Amino acid sequence: MTTNQEFLNAFFMKEGVHGMEGLIRKYQKYVFSICLKYSNSYADAEDSTQEVLLKLTQKLNAFTATSKFSTWLYSITRNYCFDQLKSKQRESLKMHDYLLSKKDDIIVEEVEDMRHLYIGMIAKLTEEDQLLLKMKYIEAKSIIELSQYYSVSESCIKMRLSRVKEKVRQLLKAA
């Protein structure tokens, strides 16, 4: 195998003053085809190709000629494309998290709106119905405790709760 310097010297002697331009022209389609394989679009592949070719001009001295030049260039191209994919995934995750946080904000607002609506509907109930709902759902009293408080059977409490909830549903429909 030839050394890095021998390879580059041979190429630049063949191409003359336009050696770097010739190197880029020779491998541009090769790099583009690799980028296209890892990209979502033709435009992304073109952008990646330009970036890889720029990296090529910056890293040309790092080529050691232990492998073929095309293999070394493939490695640079593939690594660049993987980095771009990882970057896009991170951006996508950030956007996903952002959208979820906004979704949570919207849900909280909707819950607050619903809470205010229910409070308004419950305020239209009789004081006795309001007390029953408060004891059951805010104070978390059991059916047995409610039946003892009102001195009625458990089935009577269940029926009262059912009727009060139906009144609330009717009020919501009317709103």
C-alpha atoms as a PDB file:
ATOM      1  CA  MET A   1       0.000   0.000   0.000  1.00  0.00           C
ATOM      2  CA  THR A   2       1.054   3.537  -0.592  1.00  0.00           C
ATOM      3  CA  THR A   3       1.344   6.092   2.150  1.00  0.00           C
ATOM      4  CA  ASN A   4      -1.074   8.918   2.589  1.00  0.00           C
ATOM      5  CA  GLN A   5       1.295  11.393   1.024  1.00  0.00           C
ATOM      6  CA  GLU A   6       2.079   9.109  -1.960  1.00  0.00           C
ATOM      7  CA  PHE A   7      -1.628   8.628  -2.699  1.00  0.00           C
ATOM      8  CA  LEU A   8      -2.392  12.319  -2.498  1.00  0.00           C
ATOM      9  CA  ASN A   9       0.713  13.277  -4.496  1.00  0.00           C
ATOM     10  CA  ALA A  10      -0.178  10.816  -7.257  1.00  0.00           C
ATOM     11  CA  PHE A  11      -3.746  12.096  -7.423  1.00  0.00           C
ATOM     12  CA  PHE A  12      -2.795  15.766  -7.399  1.00  0.00           C
ATOM     13  CA  MET A  13      -0.033  15.240  -9.980  1.00  0.00           C
ATOM     14  CA  LYS A  14      -2.557  13.597 -12.286  1.00  0.00           C
ATOM     15  CA  GLU A  15      -5.163  16.337 -11.732  1.00  0.00           C
ATOM     16  CA  GLY A  16      -2.737  19.234 -11.622  1.00  0.00           C
ATOM     17  CA  VAL A  17      -3.660  22.541 -10.006  1.00  0.00           C
ATOM     18  CA  HIS A  18      -7.294  21.526  -9.777  1.00  0.00           C
ATOM     19  CA  GLY A  19      -6.479  18.475  -7.649  1.00  0.00           C
ATOM     20  CA  MET A  20      -8.959  19.141  -4.843  1.00  0.00           C
ATOM     21  CA  GLU A  21     -11.672  20.091  -7.309  1.00  0.00           C
ATOM     22  CA  GLY A  22     -10.981  16.880  -9.240  1.00  0.00           C
ATOM     23  CA  LEU A  23     -11.106  14.812  -6.042  1.00  0.00           C
ATOM     24  CA  ILE A  24     -14.455  16.333  -5.128  1.00  0.00           C
ATOM     25  CA  ARG A  25     -15.841  15.905  -8.622  1.00  0.00           C
ATOM     26  CA  LYS A  26     -14.690  12.271  -8.702  1.00  0.00           C
ATOM     27  CA  TYR A  27     -16.372  11.327  -5.416  1.00  0.00           C
ATOM     28  CA  GLN A  28     -19.380  13.670  -5.309  1.00  0.00           C
ATOM     29  CA  LYS A  29     -21.876  11.160  -6.757  1.00  0.00           C
ATOM     30  CA  TYR A  30     -20.460   8.421  -4.543  1.00  0.00           C
ATOM     31  CA  VAL A  31     -20.960  10.555  -1.413  1.00  0.00           C
ATOM     32  CA  PHE A  32     -24.412  11.670  -2.580  1.00  0.00           C
ATOM     33  CA  SER A  33     -25.576   8.069  -3.071  1.00  0.00           C
ATOM     34  CA  ILE A  34     -24.523   7.207   0.480  1.00  0.00           C
ATOM     35  CA  CYS A  35     -26.181  10.327   1.905  1.00  0.00           C
ATOM     36  CA  LEU A  36     -29.383   9.601  -0.004  1.00  0.00           C
ATOM     37  CA  LYS A  37     -29.524   6.162   1.577  1.00  0.00           C
ATOM     38  CA  TYR A  38     -29.512   7.716   5.064  1.00  0.00           C
ATOM     39  CA  SER A  39     -31.594  10.826   4.321  1.00  0.00           C
ATOM     40  CA  ASN A  40     -35.312  11.468   4.282  1.00  0.00           C
ATOM     41  CA  SER A  41     -35.183  13.575   1.155  1.00  0.00           C
ATOM     42  CA  TYR A  42     -33.194  14.473  -1.887  1.00  0.00           C
ATOM     43  CA  ALA A  43     -32.570  17.972  -0.511  1.00  0.00           C
ATOM     44  CA  ASP A  44     -31.235  16.587   2.791  1.00  0.00           C
ATOM     45  CA  ALA A  45     -28.926  14.281   0.831  1.00  0.00           C
ATOM     46  CA  GLU A  46     -27.610  17.234  -1.190  1.00  0.00           C
ATOM     47  CA  ASP A  47     -26.975  19.227   1.986  1.00  0.00           C
ATOM     48  CA  SER A  48     -25.238  16.289   3.620  1.00  0.00           C
ATOM     49  CA  THR A  49     -23.120  15.746   0.502  1.00  0.00           C
ATOM     50  CA  GLN A  50     -21.908  19.333   0.648  1.00  0.00           C
ATOM     51  CA  GLU A  51     -21.068  19.004   4.341  1.00  0.00           C
ATOM     52  CA  VAL A  52     -19.211  15.723   3.829  1.00  0.00           C
ATOM     53  CA  LEU A  53     -17.204  17.155   0.933  1.00  0.00           C
ATOM     54  CA  LEU A  54     -16.306  20.119   3.111  1.00  0.00           C
ATOM     55  CA  LYS A  55     -15.190  17.693   5.835  1.00  0.00           C
ATOM     56  CA  LEU A  56     -13.163  15.850   3.211  1.00  0.00           C
ATOM     57  CA  THR A  57     -11.178  18.982   2.428  1.00  0.00           C
ATOM     58  CA  GLN A  58     -10.591  19.552   6.154  1.00  0.00           C
ATOM     59  CA  LYS A  59      -9.668  15.956   7.039  1.00  0.00           C
ATOM     60  CA  LEU A  60      -7.718  14.981   3.952  1.00  0.00           C
ATOM     61  CA  ASN A  61      -4.467  14.925   5.929  1.00  0.00           C
ATOM     62  CA  ALA A  62      -5.997  12.353   8.299  1.00  0.00           C
ATOM     63  CA  PHE A  63      -6.193   9.769   5.499  1.00  0.00           C
ATOM     64  CA  THR A  64      -3.564   7.136   6.276  1.00  0.00           C
ATOM     65  CA  ALA A  65      -3.933   4.913   3.190  1.00  0.00           C
ATOM     66  CA  THR A  66      -4.326   1.813   5.373  1.00  0.00           C
ATOM     67  CA  SER A  67      -7.541   1.237   3.426  1.00  0.00           C
ATOM     68  CA  LYS A  68      -8.837   2.401   0.083  1.00  0.00           C
ATOM     69  CA  PHE A  69      -9.661   6.083  -0.162  1.00  0.00           C
ATOM     70  CA  SER A  70     -13.267   5.251  -1.062  1.00  0.00           C
ATOM     71  CA  THR A  71     -13.586   3.126   2.094  1.00  0.00           C
ATOM     72  CA  TRP A  72     -12.240   5.958   4.238  1.00  0.00           C
ATOM     73  CA  LEU A  73     -14.601   8.425   2.534  1.00  0.00           C
ATOM     74  CA  TYR A  74     -17.530   6.014   3.014  1.00  0.00           C
ATOM     75  CA  SER A  75     -16.741   5.908   6.721  1.00  0.00           C
ATOM     76  CA  ILE A  76     -16.688   9.709   6.996  1.00  0.00           C
ATOM     77  CA  THR A  77     -19.941   9.964   5.038  1.00  0.00           C
ATOM     78  CA  ARG A  78     -21.726   7.274   7.026  1.00  0.00           C
ATOM     79  CA  ASN A  79     -20.620   8.763  10.351  1.00  0.00           C
ATOM     80  CA  TYR A  80     -21.800  12.207   9.285  1.00  0.00           C
ATOM     81  CA  CYS A  81     -25.186  10.806   8.223  1.00  0.00           C
ATOM     82  CA  PHE A  82     -25.547   8.912  11.526  1.00  0.00           C
ATOM     83  CA  ASP A  83     -24.768  12.102  13.425  1.00  0.00           C
ATOM     84  CA  GLN A  84     -27.453  13.916  11.422  1.00  0.00           C
ATOM     85  CA  LEU A  85     -29.982  11.172  12.150  1.00  0.00           C
ATOM     86  CA  LYS A  86     -29.199  11.309  15.870  1.00  0.00           C
ATOM     87  CA  SER A  87     -29.502  15.083  15.820  1.00  0.00           C
ATOM     88  CA  LYS A  88     -32.889  14.870  14.090  1.00  0.00           C
ATOM     89  CA  GLN A  89     -34.051  12.260  16.585  1.00  0.00           C
ATOM     90  CA  ARG A  90     -33.043  14.527  19.476  1.00  0.00           C
ATOM     91  CA  GLU A  91     -34.873  17.432  17.847  1.00  0.00           C
ATOM     92  CA  SER A  92     -37.879  15.216  17.262  1.00  0.00           C
ATOM     93  CA  LEU A  93     -37.875  14.113  20.902  1.00  0.00           C
ATOM     94  CA  LYS A  94     -37.598  17.718  22.056  1.00  0.00           C
ATOM     95  CA  MET A  95     -40.531  18.654  19.833  1.00  0.00           C
ATOM     96  CA  HIS A  96     -42.494  15.649  21.084  1.00  0.00           C
ATOM     97  CA  ASP A  97     -41.825  16.645  24.703  1.00  0.00           C
ATOM     98  CA  TYR A  98     -42.774  20.234  23.917  1.00  0.00           C
ATOM     99  CA  LEU A  99     -46.034  19.165  22.283  1.00  0.00           C
ATOM    100  CA  LEU A 100     -46.813  16.864  25.201  1.00  0.00           C
ATOM    101  CA  SER A 101     -46.239  19.694  27.663  1.00  0.00           C
ATOM    102  CA  LYS A 102     -48.532  21.941  25.603  1.00  0.00           C
ATOM    103  CA  LYS A 103     -51.073  19.129  25.437  1.00  0.00           C
ATOM    104  CA  ASP A 104     -50.899  18.832  29.226  1.00  0.00           C
ATOM    105  CA  ASP A 105     -51.447  22.594  29.528  1.00  0.00           C
ATOM    106  CA  ILE A 106     -54.479  22.363  27.248  1.00  0.00           C
ATOM    107  CA  ILE A 107     -55.861  19.411  29.207  1.00  0.00           C
ATOM    108  CA  VAL A 108     -55.383  21.286  32.489  1.00  0.00           C
ATOM    109  CA  GLU A 109     -57.236  24.280  31.023  1.00  0.00           C
ATOM    110  CA  GLU A 110     -60.051  22.028  29.826  1.00  0.00           C
ATOM    111  CA  VAL A 111     -60.274  20.337  33.212  1.00  0.00           C
ATOM    112  CA  GLU A 112     -60.420  23.757  34.897  1.00  0.00           C
ATOM    113  CA  ASP A 113     -63.162  24.821  32.487  1.00  0.00           C
ATOM    114  CA  MET A 114     -65.083  21.623  33.192  1.00  0.00           C
ATOM    115  CA  ARG A 115     -64.586  22.061  36.933  1.00  0.00           C
ATOM    116  CA  HIS A 116     -66.054  25.580  36.756  1.00  0.00           C
ATOM    117  CA  LEU A 117     -68.928  24.297  34.647  1.00  0.00           C
ATOM    118  CA  TYR A 118     -69.699  21.516  37.151  1.00  0.00           C
ATOM    119  CA  ILE A 119     -69.474  23.921  40.075  1.00  0.00           C
ATOM    120  CA  GLY A 120     -71.973  26.157  38.294  1.00  0.00           C
ATOM    121  CA  MET A 121     -74.317  23.229  37.662  1.00  0.00           C
ATOM    122  CA  ILE A 122     -74.051  21.954  41.233  1.00  0.00           C
ATOM    123  CA  ALA A 123     -74.843  25.431  42.543  1.00  0.00           C
ATOM    124  CA  LYS A 124     -78.218  25.127  40.780  1.00  0.00           C
ATOM    125  CA  LEU A 125     -79.074  22.014  42.832  1.00  0.00           C
ATOM    126  CA  THR A 126     -80.939  22.109  46.127  1.00  0.00           C
ATOM    127  CA  GLU A 127     -78.846  22.418  49.283  1.00  0.00           C
ATOM    128  CA  GLU A 128     -79.731  18.836  50.222  1.00  0.00           C
ATOM    129  CA  ASP A 129     -78.493  17.512  46.846  1.00  0.00           C
ATOM    130  CA  GLN A 130     -75.334  19.606  47.123  1.00  0.00           C
ATOM    131  CA  LEU A 131     -74.663  18.225  50.619  1.00  0.00           C
ATOM    132  CA  LEU A 132     -75.114  14.652  49.390  1.00  0.00           C
ATOM    133  CA  LEU A 133     -72.609  15.158  46.551  1.00  0.00           C
ATOM    134  CA  LYS A 134     -70.162  16.929  48.858  1.00  0.00           C
ATOM    135  CA  MET A 135     -70.278  14.128  51.415  1.00  0.00           C
ATOM    136  CA  LYS A 136     -69.929  11.390  48.788  1.00  0.00           C
ATOM    137  CA  TYR A 137     -67.319  12.878  46.447  1.00  0.00           C
ATOM    138  CA  ILE A 138     -65.413  15.472  48.472  1.00  0.00           C
ATOM    139  CA  GLU A 139     -65.481  13.954  51.921  1.00  0.00           C
ATOM    140  CA  ALA A 140     -65.383  10.423  50.419  1.00  0.00           C
ATOM    141  CA  LYS A 141     -68.105   9.033  52.652  1.00  0.00           C
ATOM    142  CA  SER A 142     -69.189   5.491  51.934  1.00  0.00           C
ATOM    143  CA  ILE A 143     -72.759   4.507  51.099  1.00  0.00           C
ATOM    144  CA  ILE A 144     -73.068   2.961  54.549  1.00  0.00           C
ATOM    145  CA  GLU A 145     -71.933   6.186  56.251  1.00  0.00           C
ATOM    146  CA  LEU A 146     -74.358   8.204  54.154  1.00  0.00           C
ATOM    147  CA  SER A 147     -77.241   5.863  54.954  1.00  0.00           C
ATOM    148  CA  GLN A 148     -76.457   6.228  58.667  1.00  0.00           C
ATOM    149  CA  TYR A 149     -76.239  10.028  58.389  1.00  0.00           C
ATOM    150  CA  TYR A 150     -79.574  10.300  56.564  1.00  0.00           C
ATOM    151  CA  SER A 151     -81.156   7.399  58.522  1.00  0.00           C
ATOM    152  CA  VAL A 152     -82.259   5.652  55.344  1.00  0.00           C
ATOM    153  CA  SER A 153     -81.348   2.391  53.621  1.00  0.00           C
ATOM    154  CA  GLU A 154     -78.247   2.002  51.442  1.00  0.00           C
ATOM    155  CA  SER A 155     -80.388   1.461  48.373  1.00  0.00           C
ATOM    156  CA  CYS A 156     -82.160   4.735  49.077  1.00  0.00           C
ATOM    157  CA  ILE A 157     -78.791   6.566  49.158  1.00  0.00           C
ATOM    158  CA  LYS A 158     -77.763   4.918  45.889  1.00  0.00           C
ATOM    159  CA  MET A 159     -81.033   6.016  44.299  1.00  0.00           C
ATOM    160  CA  ARG A 160     -80.666   9.601  45.602  1.00  0.00           C
ATOM    161  CA  LEU A 161     -77.106   9.758  44.231  1.00  0.00           C
ATOM    162  CA  SER A 162     -78.303   8.425  40.903  1.00  0.00           C
ATOM    163  CA  ARG A 163     -81.073  11.034  40.726  1.00  0.00           C
ATOM    164  CA  VAL A 164     -78.743  13.886  41.695  1.00  0.00           C
ATOM    165  CA  LYS A 165     -76.199  12.826  39.051  1.00  0.00           C
ATOM    166  CA  GLU A 166     -78.994  12.694  36.492  1.00  0.00           C
ATOM    167  CA  LYS A 167     -80.034  16.239  37.448  1.00  0.00           C
ATOM    168  CA  VAL A 168     -76.441  17.381  36.876  1.00  0.00           C
ATOM    169  CA  ARG A 169     -76.389  15.629  33.469  1.00  0.00           C
ATOM    170  CA  GLN A 170     -79.611  17.375  32.487  1.00  0.00           C
ATOM    171  CA  LEU A 171     -78.226  20.728  33.566  1.00  0.00           C
ATOM    172  CA  LEU A 172     -75.060  20.088  31.529  1.00  0.00           C
ATOM    173  CA  LYS A 173     -77.092  19.211  28.466  1.00  0.00           C
ATOM    174  CA  ALA A 174     -79.068  22.424  28.849  1.00  0.00           C
ATOM    175  CA  ALA A 175     -75.865  24.526  29.195  1.00  0.00           C
END
